[in-house]
């Protein structure tokens, strides 16, 4: 959208993202199994909302409107009507206009877009929340729930794990179309994700190592798990994002909102542009390109008067390693079919020329679906403000980008940000 009023992210709060293999996650092999329980969806919303208010110093009463991104609360947590759950987190939000936004894995990004629309329409202080709990069911049942982000009637039968199969199909097509690319290139993306997560205390996989010799090929430590024989050889556990629980919340304001809250531009990062695009759920697109993301990115760049060359740090939607590779190409970081060259160059590492997914991305940081789009924006904020500790990128991070995708590139939200000092 072309911004008629300036908009600023004031910061917020990200909860730890947890699930299996996280040291604090309670499951059947955890010593506290049966004695403790994992946080609920309500717990995560409470923590994110109040953490965002406390960390920014914004009183709940000052928030004029709020949105929460969530995909499958009714299925994993038996809970919908989550706008009212945000009010339940803080009495100061009572009777505020708050609603839930759903767009599969782009739910958080769409909640952000909704708040930005409100700023353009005259609101001054808004809140954006994203939350998801996905560990209350078995992997097989959860895979069925998450398949609702595809065209369920047409695509559910691809595999017991529908979305991994859909992206294995993309990876197969990529490797066949670009024989110069290799499994090791995708393994390097996994190694980057886990390595960055190992430096991030909030990351789901903070305690799990992923050496290249494991990530580069299927084996006992890294199985290819799909049942569909056409795609089984093209996706390993290391290629996948995590089934995580977690939440994030941020404060988005206008120039007048900054003034009302006693803040300055140096406290914030500015939203330069945001574009979201939607594809056709009922048809398959080009397996070798993310055209919906490209459409959103092209418009976001044009509205900001920037290009991919201006971006200094990015958070992109790596639900699978092939998604990150195709994101590089859709966002203009690499030419189509040349994303693997960017990987080999090390350009997207913490010390590369365009660091991507510095806290681990969806593969390492984790992927509580509704929270991801909000977390991405906060990670750009934290990088620009030098708050990322051991995984802080060096240098002047004046322009950042987020790309949050829903389904198999059916909904995409791309935003550009400027650091204010």
Protein backbone atom coordinates (compact mmCIF):
# COMPACT_ATOMS: atom_id res chain seq x y z
CA UNK A 1 0.00 0.00 0.00
CA UNK A 2 1.16 3.54 -0.72
CA UNK A 3 1.48 5.16 2.71
CA UNK A 4 -0.25 8.51 3.16
CA UNK A 5 0.70 8.67 6.87
CA UNK A 6 4.05 7.64 8.30
CA UNK A 7 3.99 4.50 10.46
CA UNK A 8 6.49 3.25 13.03
CA UNK A 9 7.21 -0.02 14.84
CA UNK A 10 8.00 0.78 18.48
CA UNK A 11 9.10 -2.73 19.40
CA UNK A 12 7.34 -5.52 21.22
CA UNK A 13 7.82 -8.96 22.69
CA UNK A 14 8.57 -12.46 21.39
CA UNK A 15 7.98 -15.44 23.66
CA UNK A 16 10.29 -18.44 23.47
CA UNK A 17 9.24 -20.70 20.61
CA UNK A 18 9.12 -24.27 21.88
CA UNK A 19 8.24 -27.81 20.81
CA UNK A 20 9.91 -31.20 20.65
CA UNK A 21 13.69 -31.05 21.09
CA UNK A 22 13.44 -27.78 23.03
CA UNK A 23 14.78 -28.35 26.57
CA UNK A 24 11.73 -26.76 28.22
CA UNK A 25 9.06 -28.60 26.23
CA UNK A 26 7.15 -31.19 28.24
CA UNK A 27 6.58 -34.39 26.27
CA UNK A 28 6.71 -38.11 26.92
CA UNK A 29 10.52 -38.21 27.11
CA UNK A 30 10.82 -35.12 29.31
CA UNK A 31 11.58 -35.74 33.01
CA UNK A 32 8.60 -33.56 34.03
CA UNK A 33 6.12 -35.41 31.81
CA UNK A 34 2.90 -35.84 33.78
CA UNK A 35 3.96 -33.28 36.40
CA UNK A 36 3.90 -30.06 34.37
CA UNK A 37 2.09 -28.82 31.30
CA UNK A 38 3.23 -26.70 28.38
CA UNK A 39 1.87 -23.15 28.11
CA UNK A 40 -1.58 -22.87 26.53
CA UNK A 41 -2.67 -20.61 23.69
CA UNK A 42 -4.14 -18.28 26.32
CA UNK A 43 -0.81 -18.24 28.19
CA UNK A 44 1.09 -17.29 25.05
CA UNK A 45 -1.32 -14.49 24.18
CA UNK A 46 -1.07 -13.13 27.73
CA UNK A 47 2.72 -13.20 27.67
CA UNK A 48 3.06 -11.56 24.26
CA UNK A 49 0.49 -8.81 24.89
CA UNK A 50 1.78 -7.80 28.29
CA UNK A 51 5.41 -8.22 27.26
CA UNK A 52 4.90 -5.83 24.35
CA UNK A 53 3.21 -3.23 26.55
CA UNK A 54 5.90 -3.47 29.22
CA UNK A 55 8.90 -3.44 26.87
CA UNK A 56 7.64 -0.39 24.95
CA UNK A 57 6.26 1.45 27.98
CA UNK A 58 2.88 1.79 26.27
CA UNK A 59 -0.15 1.63 28.61
CA UNK A 60 -2.89 -0.73 27.44
CA UNK A 61 -5.36 2.15 27.63
CA UNK A 62 -3.43 3.99 24.90
CA UNK A 63 -3.98 1.19 22.36
CA UNK A 64 -6.82 2.21 20.06
CA UNK A 65 -7.19 -0.98 18.00
CA UNK A 66 -5.58 -4.41 17.85
CA UNK A 67 -5.44 -7.50 15.65
CA UNK A 68 -4.36 -11.09 16.31
CA UNK A 69 -3.08 -13.47 13.65
CA UNK A 70 -3.96 -17.12 14.23
CA UNK A 71 -4.59 -20.01 11.84
CA UNK A 72 -5.95 -23.09 13.62
CA UNK A 73 -6.86 -22.20 17.19
CA UNK A 74 -10.16 -24.08 16.88
CA UNK A 75 -8.36 -27.32 15.97
CA UNK A 76 -5.26 -27.48 18.18
CA UNK A 77 -6.68 -25.55 21.15
CA UNK A 78 -10.47 -25.77 20.72
CA UNK A 79 -10.56 -21.99 20.82
CA UNK A 80 -11.66 -19.38 18.36
CA UNK A 81 -12.85 -15.81 19.02
CA UNK A 82 -9.32 -14.71 19.80
CA UNK A 83 -9.89 -10.96 19.62
CA UNK A 84 -11.67 -11.33 22.94
CA UNK A 85 -8.74 -13.42 24.21
CA UNK A 86 -6.44 -10.43 23.62
CA UNK A 87 -8.75 -8.38 25.87
CA UNK A 88 -8.50 -11.18 28.41
CA UNK A 89 -4.75 -10.63 28.56
CA UNK A 90 -5.06 -7.09 29.92
CA UNK A 91 -8.04 -5.33 31.48
CA UNK A 92 -6.88 -2.05 29.95
CA UNK A 93 -7.88 -3.38 26.52
CA UNK A 94 -11.51 -3.95 27.49
CA UNK A 95 -14.03 -2.69 24.91
CA UNK A 96 -11.32 -1.85 22.38
CA UNK A 97 -11.99 -2.94 18.76
CA UNK A 98 -9.91 -6.11 18.38
CA UNK A 99 -10.28 -8.87 15.80
CA UNK A 100 -8.63 -12.05 14.59
CA UNK A 101 -7.08 -12.30 11.12
CA UNK A 102 -6.50 -15.60 9.30
CA UNK A 103 -4.38 -16.24 6.22
CA UNK A 104 -2.72 -19.59 6.97
CA UNK A 105 1.00 -19.05 7.70
CA UNK A 106 0.65 -15.38 6.69
CA UNK A 107 -1.91 -14.68 9.44
CA UNK A 108 0.58 -12.58 11.40
CA UNK A 109 1.62 -10.61 8.33
CA UNK A 110 -2.01 -9.90 7.48
CA UNK A 111 -2.64 -8.73 11.05
CA UNK A 112 0.27 -6.31 10.59
CA UNK A 113 -1.19 -5.14 7.27
CA UNK A 114 -4.56 -4.56 8.96
CA UNK A 115 -2.97 -2.40 11.64
CA UNK A 116 -1.08 -0.43 9.00
CA UNK A 117 -4.37 0.16 7.17
CA UNK A 118 -5.80 1.53 10.41
CA UNK A 119 -2.86 3.93 10.81
CA UNK A 120 -3.52 5.17 7.27
CA UNK A 121 -7.19 5.67 8.16
CA UNK A 122 -6.41 7.80 11.21
CA UNK A 123 -5.56 5.54 14.15
CA UNK A 124 -2.46 6.52 16.10
CA UNK A 125 -1.61 3.61 18.45
CA UNK A 126 -2.26 -0.02 17.49
CA UNK A 127 -1.18 -3.47 18.58
CA UNK A 128 -0.47 -6.54 16.44
CA UNK A 129 -0.42 -9.99 18.04
CA UNK A 130 0.35 -13.40 16.56
CA UNK A 131 -0.02 -16.70 18.40
CA UNK A 132 -0.25 -20.42 17.72
CA UNK A 133 -0.13 -23.69 19.66
CA UNK A 134 0.45 -26.77 17.46
CA UNK A 135 1.87 -29.45 19.76
CA UNK A 136 -1.35 -30.67 21.36
CA UNK A 137 -1.88 -33.38 18.71
CA UNK A 138 0.26 -36.04 17.06
CA UNK A 139 2.38 -35.12 14.05
CA UNK A 140 0.00 -37.00 11.75
CA UNK A 141 -3.12 -35.30 13.11
CA UNK A 142 -1.35 -31.95 13.12
CA UNK A 143 -0.33 -32.49 9.52
CA UNK A 144 -3.99 -32.97 8.65
CA UNK A 145 -4.97 -29.77 10.48
CA UNK A 146 -2.25 -27.75 8.75
CA UNK A 147 -3.30 -29.14 5.36
CA UNK A 148 -6.27 -26.75 5.59
CA UNK A 149 -3.84 -24.14 4.26
CA UNK A 150 -3.83 -26.02 0.96
CA UNK A 151 -6.91 -26.68 -1.19
CA UNK A 152 -7.88 -29.56 1.06
CA UNK A 153 -10.31 -31.27 -1.33
CA UNK A 154 -7.78 -31.29 -4.17
CA UNK A 155 -4.41 -31.62 -2.43
CA UNK A 156 -4.90 -33.46 0.85
CA UNK A 157 -4.26 -36.85 -0.75
CA UNK A 158 -0.70 -35.94 -1.82
CA UNK A 159 0.69 -37.43 1.39
CA UNK A 160 -0.13 -37.88 5.08
CA UNK A 161 2.04 -34.77 5.43
CA UNK A 162 0.52 -32.58 2.74
CA UNK A 163 2.67 -29.47 3.00
CA UNK A 164 6.02 -31.24 3.16
CA UNK A 165 4.96 -33.13 0.03
CA UNK A 166 4.00 -29.91 -1.75
CA UNK A 167 7.40 -28.38 -1.10
CA UNK A 168 9.22 -31.64 -1.86
CA UNK A 169 7.50 -31.37 -5.25
CA UNK A 170 8.98 -27.88 -5.66
CA UNK A 171 12.43 -29.06 -4.59
CA UNK A 172 12.31 -31.98 -7.05
CA UNK A 173 11.38 -29.59 -9.85
CA UNK A 174 14.17 -27.16 -8.85
CA UNK A 175 16.87 -29.81 -8.78
CA UNK A 176 15.74 -31.23 -12.10
CA UNK A 177 15.55 -27.80 -13.76
CA UNK A 178 18.87 -26.63 -12.29
CA UNK A 179 21.24 -29.62 -12.22
CA UNK A 180 24.04 -27.35 -11.00
CA UNK A 181 22.22 -27.11 -7.66
CA UNK A 182 22.64 -29.93 -5.14
CA UNK A 183 21.33 -31.41 -1.92
CA UNK A 184 24.34 -29.89 -0.22
CA UNK A 185 23.09 -26.41 -1.11
CA UNK A 186 19.86 -27.09 0.75
CA UNK A 187 21.87 -28.65 3.55
CA UNK A 188 23.79 -25.40 3.91
CA UNK A 189 20.51 -23.56 4.43
CA UNK A 190 19.67 -25.97 7.27
CA UNK A 191 23.11 -25.51 8.79
CA UNK A 192 22.69 -21.73 8.66
CA UNK A 193 19.26 -21.91 10.29
CA UNK A 194 20.35 -24.18 13.13
CA UNK A 195 23.62 -22.32 13.62
CA UNK A 196 21.81 -19.00 14.00
CA UNK A 197 19.25 -20.62 16.31
CA UNK A 198 22.07 -21.92 18.51
CA UNK A 199 22.94 -18.27 19.20
CA UNK A 200 19.31 -17.29 19.93
CA UNK A 201 17.92 -17.96 23.43
CA UNK A 202 14.33 -17.71 22.16
CA UNK A 203 14.75 -20.29 19.38
CA UNK A 204 13.01 -23.65 19.31
CA UNK A 205 16.20 -25.41 18.15
CA UNK A 206 18.62 -23.46 20.32
CA UNK A 207 20.07 -26.68 21.78
CA UNK A 208 20.17 -28.79 18.58
CA UNK A 209 23.24 -28.95 16.33
CA UNK A 210 23.02 -29.57 12.58
CA UNK A 211 26.38 -30.38 10.94
CA UNK A 212 26.59 -30.28 7.17
CA UNK A 213 27.38 -33.98 6.88
CA UNK A 214 23.97 -34.70 8.45
CA UNK A 215 22.01 -31.97 6.66
CA UNK A 216 23.34 -32.75 3.19
CA UNK A 217 21.84 -36.23 2.85
CA UNK A 218 19.13 -38.49 4.22
CA UNK A 219 20.15 -40.96 6.91
CA UNK A 220 19.24 -42.34 10.31
CA UNK A 221 19.83 -38.94 11.90
CA UNK A 222 18.01 -37.09 9.14
CA UNK A 223 15.34 -39.29 7.57
CA UNK A 224 13.34 -38.72 4.42
CA UNK A 225 9.89 -39.27 5.91
CA UNK A 226 7.29 -38.79 3.19
CA UNK A 227 5.14 -41.70 2.02
CA UNK A 228 4.64 -40.44 -1.53
CA UNK A 229 7.29 -42.28 -3.60
CA UNK A 230 7.46 -39.48 -6.18
CA UNK A 231 8.61 -36.95 -3.59
CA UNK A 232 10.10 -38.98 -0.73
CA UNK A 233 13.71 -38.58 -1.88
CA UNK A 234 13.43 -34.80 -2.04
CA UNK A 235 12.69 -33.82 1.57
CA UNK A 236 14.46 -34.60 4.81
CA UNK A 237 13.68 -33.62 8.40
CA UNK A 238 16.42 -30.96 8.25
CA UNK A 239 14.62 -29.28 5.34
CA UNK A 240 11.52 -28.57 7.45
CA UNK A 241 10.41 -25.77 9.74
CA UNK A 242 9.51 -26.67 13.31
CA UNK A 243 6.11 -27.51 14.76
CA UNK A 244 6.28 -24.86 17.47
CA UNK A 245 4.20 -23.09 20.08
CA UNK A 246 4.72 -19.39 20.70
CA UNK A 247 3.54 -15.82 20.27
CA UNK A 248 4.72 -12.31 19.47
CA UNK A 249 3.19 -8.85 19.79
CA UNK A 250 4.26 -5.38 18.65
CA UNK A 251 3.16 -1.77 18.82
CA UNK A 252 2.59 0.13 15.58
CA UNK A 253 2.01 3.89 15.70
CA UNK A 254 1.68 7.04 13.62
CA UNK A 255 3.76 10.20 14.00
CA UNK A 256 1.04 11.54 16.26
CA UNK A 257 1.17 8.26 18.18
CA UNK A 258 4.87 8.79 18.82
CA UNK A 259 4.11 12.24 20.19
CA UNK A 260 1.24 11.03 22.38
CA UNK A 261 3.43 8.31 23.89
CA UNK A 262 6.40 10.59 24.49
CA UNK A 263 8.57 8.64 22.06
CA UNK A 264 10.98 9.81 19.37
CA UNK A 265 11.82 8.44 15.95
CA UNK A 266 15.05 7.07 17.40
CA UNK A 267 12.92 4.65 19.46
CA UNK A 268 11.36 3.19 16.31
CA UNK A 269 11.83 1.82 12.84
CA UNK A 270 9.71 3.26 10.03
CA UNK A 271 7.50 1.20 7.74
CA UNK A 272 8.44 2.35 4.24
CA UNK A 273 5.97 0.17 2.37
CA UNK A 274 3.88 -2.97 2.64
CA UNK A 275 2.25 -4.99 -0.10
CA UNK A 276 0.28 -8.19 0.09
CA UNK A 277 -0.81 -10.36 -2.81
CA UNK A 278 -3.10 -13.36 -3.09
CA UNK A 279 -2.99 -16.22 -5.57
CA UNK A 280 -5.66 -18.71 -6.64
CA UNK A 281 -6.15 -21.51 -4.10
CA UNK A 282 -7.73 -23.74 -6.73
CA UNK A 283 -4.81 -24.00 -9.14
CA UNK A 284 -1.13 -24.90 -9.06
CA UNK A 285 1.39 -22.26 -10.02
CA UNK A 286 4.89 -22.53 -11.48
CA UNK A 287 6.81 -24.91 -9.23
CA UNK A 288 10.05 -23.05 -9.98
CA UNK A 289 8.94 -19.58 -8.87
CA UNK A 290 7.02 -17.88 -6.08
CA UNK A 291 5.04 -15.52 -8.25
CA UNK A 292 2.69 -14.29 -5.53
CA UNK A 293 5.63 -13.28 -3.35
CA UNK A 294 7.32 -11.67 -6.36
CA UNK A 295 4.18 -9.63 -7.11
CA UNK A 296 4.04 -8.39 -3.51
CA UNK A 297 7.78 -7.65 -3.43
CA UNK A 298 7.83 -5.80 -6.75
CA UNK A 299 5.06 -3.51 -5.53
CA UNK A 300 6.65 -2.98 -2.11
CA UNK A 301 9.99 -2.01 -3.70
CA UNK A 302 8.29 0.37 -6.14
CA UNK A 303 6.28 2.10 -3.42
CA UNK A 304 9.37 2.53 -1.22
CA UNK A 305 11.54 3.67 -4.13
CA UNK A 306 14.01 0.89 -3.33
CA UNK A 307 15.40 -2.28 -4.85
CA UNK A 308 16.68 -5.60 -3.54
CA UNK A 309 20.20 -4.13 -3.58
CA UNK A 310 19.19 -1.67 -0.83
CA UNK A 311 18.19 -4.37 1.68
CA UNK A 312 20.73 -4.94 4.45
CA UNK A 313 18.89 -7.58 6.53
CA UNK A 314 15.86 -9.77 5.82
CA UNK A 315 13.43 -12.19 7.40
CA UNK A 316 11.91 -14.53 4.82
CA UNK A 317 9.46 -17.41 5.02
CA UNK A 318 11.53 -20.61 5.11
CA UNK A 319 8.80 -23.13 5.92
CA UNK A 320 11.13 -25.49 4.02
CA UNK A 321 14.65 -24.92 2.70
CA UNK A 322 13.33 -24.85 -0.88
CA UNK A 323 11.01 -22.01 0.16
CA UNK A 324 13.99 -19.95 1.33
CA UNK A 325 15.81 -20.66 -1.93
CA UNK A 326 12.80 -19.56 -3.99
CA UNK A 327 12.29 -16.52 -1.72
CA UNK A 328 15.81 -15.34 -2.58
CA UNK A 329 14.80 -15.37 -6.24
CA UNK A 330 11.30 -13.90 -5.81
CA UNK A 331 12.66 -11.02 -3.70
CA UNK A 332 15.42 -10.20 -6.19
CA UNK A 333 18.36 -11.25 -4.02
CA UNK A 334 19.29 -13.71 -6.78
CA UNK A 335 18.26 -14.28 -10.39
CA UNK A 336 15.68 -16.99 -11.02
CA UNK A 337 17.40 -20.37 -10.88
CA UNK A 338 20.49 -18.88 -9.21
CA UNK A 339 19.51 -18.89 -5.54
CA UNK A 340 21.92 -21.74 -4.86
CA UNK A 341 24.80 -19.47 -5.92
CA UNK A 342 23.85 -17.04 -3.15
CA UNK A 343 24.01 -19.93 -0.68
CA UNK A 344 27.43 -21.07 -1.87
CA UNK A 345 28.71 -17.51 -1.68
CA UNK A 346 27.67 -17.31 1.97
CA UNK A 347 25.87 -14.06 1.18
CA UNK A 348 22.96 -14.75 3.54
CA UNK A 349 25.07 -15.77 6.55
CA UNK A 350 25.33 -13.45 9.58
CA UNK A 351 28.53 -11.97 8.15
CA UNK A 352 27.33 -12.01 4.53
CA UNK A 353 26.28 -9.09 2.36
CA UNK A 354 22.54 -9.75 2.91
CA UNK A 355 21.98 -11.68 6.18
CA UNK A 356 18.70 -13.61 6.07
CA UNK A 357 16.80 -15.17 8.98
CA UNK A 358 19.43 -14.17 11.51
CA UNK A 359 17.69 -15.75 14.50
CA UNK A 360 17.18 -19.07 12.77
CA UNK A 361 14.12 -18.51 10.60
CA UNK A 362 11.25 -20.96 10.64
CA UNK A 363 13.64 -23.92 10.38
CA UNK A 364 15.67 -22.93 13.46
CA UNK A 365 13.76 -20.27 15.42
CA UNK A 366 10.51 -22.18 14.91
CA UNK A 367 7.14 -21.68 13.25
CA UNK A 368 4.10 -21.08 15.49
CA UNK A 369 2.07 -20.29 12.40
CA UNK A 370 0.11 -17.20 13.47
CA UNK A 371 3.11 -15.68 15.26
CA UNK A 372 5.64 -15.89 12.44
CA UNK A 373 4.71 -12.73 10.52
CA UNK A 374 4.81 -10.66 13.72
CA UNK A 375 8.06 -12.21 14.91
CA UNK A 376 9.68 -11.38 11.57
CA UNK A 377 8.97 -7.66 11.98
CA UNK A 378 10.25 -7.68 15.55
CA UNK A 379 13.43 -9.45 14.46
CA UNK A 380 14.09 -6.68 11.94
CA UNK A 381 13.41 -4.11 14.68
CA UNK A 382 15.76 -5.89 17.10
CA UNK A 383 18.53 -6.18 14.50
CA UNK A 384 18.24 -2.53 13.54
CA UNK A 385 18.37 -1.49 17.19
CA UNK A 386 21.32 -3.75 18.04
CA UNK A 387 19.35 -5.99 20.43
CA UNK A 388 20.17 -9.45 19.05
CA UNK A 389 23.11 -10.37 21.26
CA UNK A 390 25.21 -13.24 19.92
CA UNK A 391 23.52 -13.17 16.53
CA UNK A 392 23.64 -9.41 16.06
CA UNK A 393 24.63 -8.41 12.52
CA UNK A 394 27.43 -5.88 12.32
CA UNK A 395 27.27 -2.73 10.24
CA UNK A 396 24.71 -0.07 9.40
CA UNK A 397 21.35 -1.83 8.96
CA UNK A 398 19.44 1.04 7.41
CA UNK A 399 16.93 -0.99 5.32
CA UNK A 400 15.25 -4.26 6.27
CA UNK A 401 12.67 -6.54 4.66
CA UNK A 402 10.14 -9.13 5.79
CA UNK A 403 8.35 -11.69 3.60
CA UNK A 404 5.61 -13.78 5.24
CA UNK A 405 3.89 -16.42 3.11
CA UNK A 406 0.65 -18.36 3.58
CA UNK A 407 0.08 -21.77 2.01
CA UNK A 408 2.06 -22.73 -1.07
CA UNK A 409 2.71 -19.11 -2.09
CA UNK A 410 -1.00 -18.30 -2.10
CA UNK A 411 -0.83 -15.31 0.28
CA UNK A 412 2.29 -13.20 0.66
CA UNK A 413 3.01 -10.08 2.73
CA UNK A 414 6.21 -8.15 1.96
CA UNK A 415 7.27 -5.05 3.90
CA UNK A 416 10.27 -2.71 3.90
CA UNK A 417 11.60 -0.82 6.91
CA UNK A 418 14.03 2.00 7.63
CA UNK A 419 16.12 2.34 10.75
CA UNK A 420 15.69 5.70 12.49
CA UNK A 421 18.44 7.03 14.72
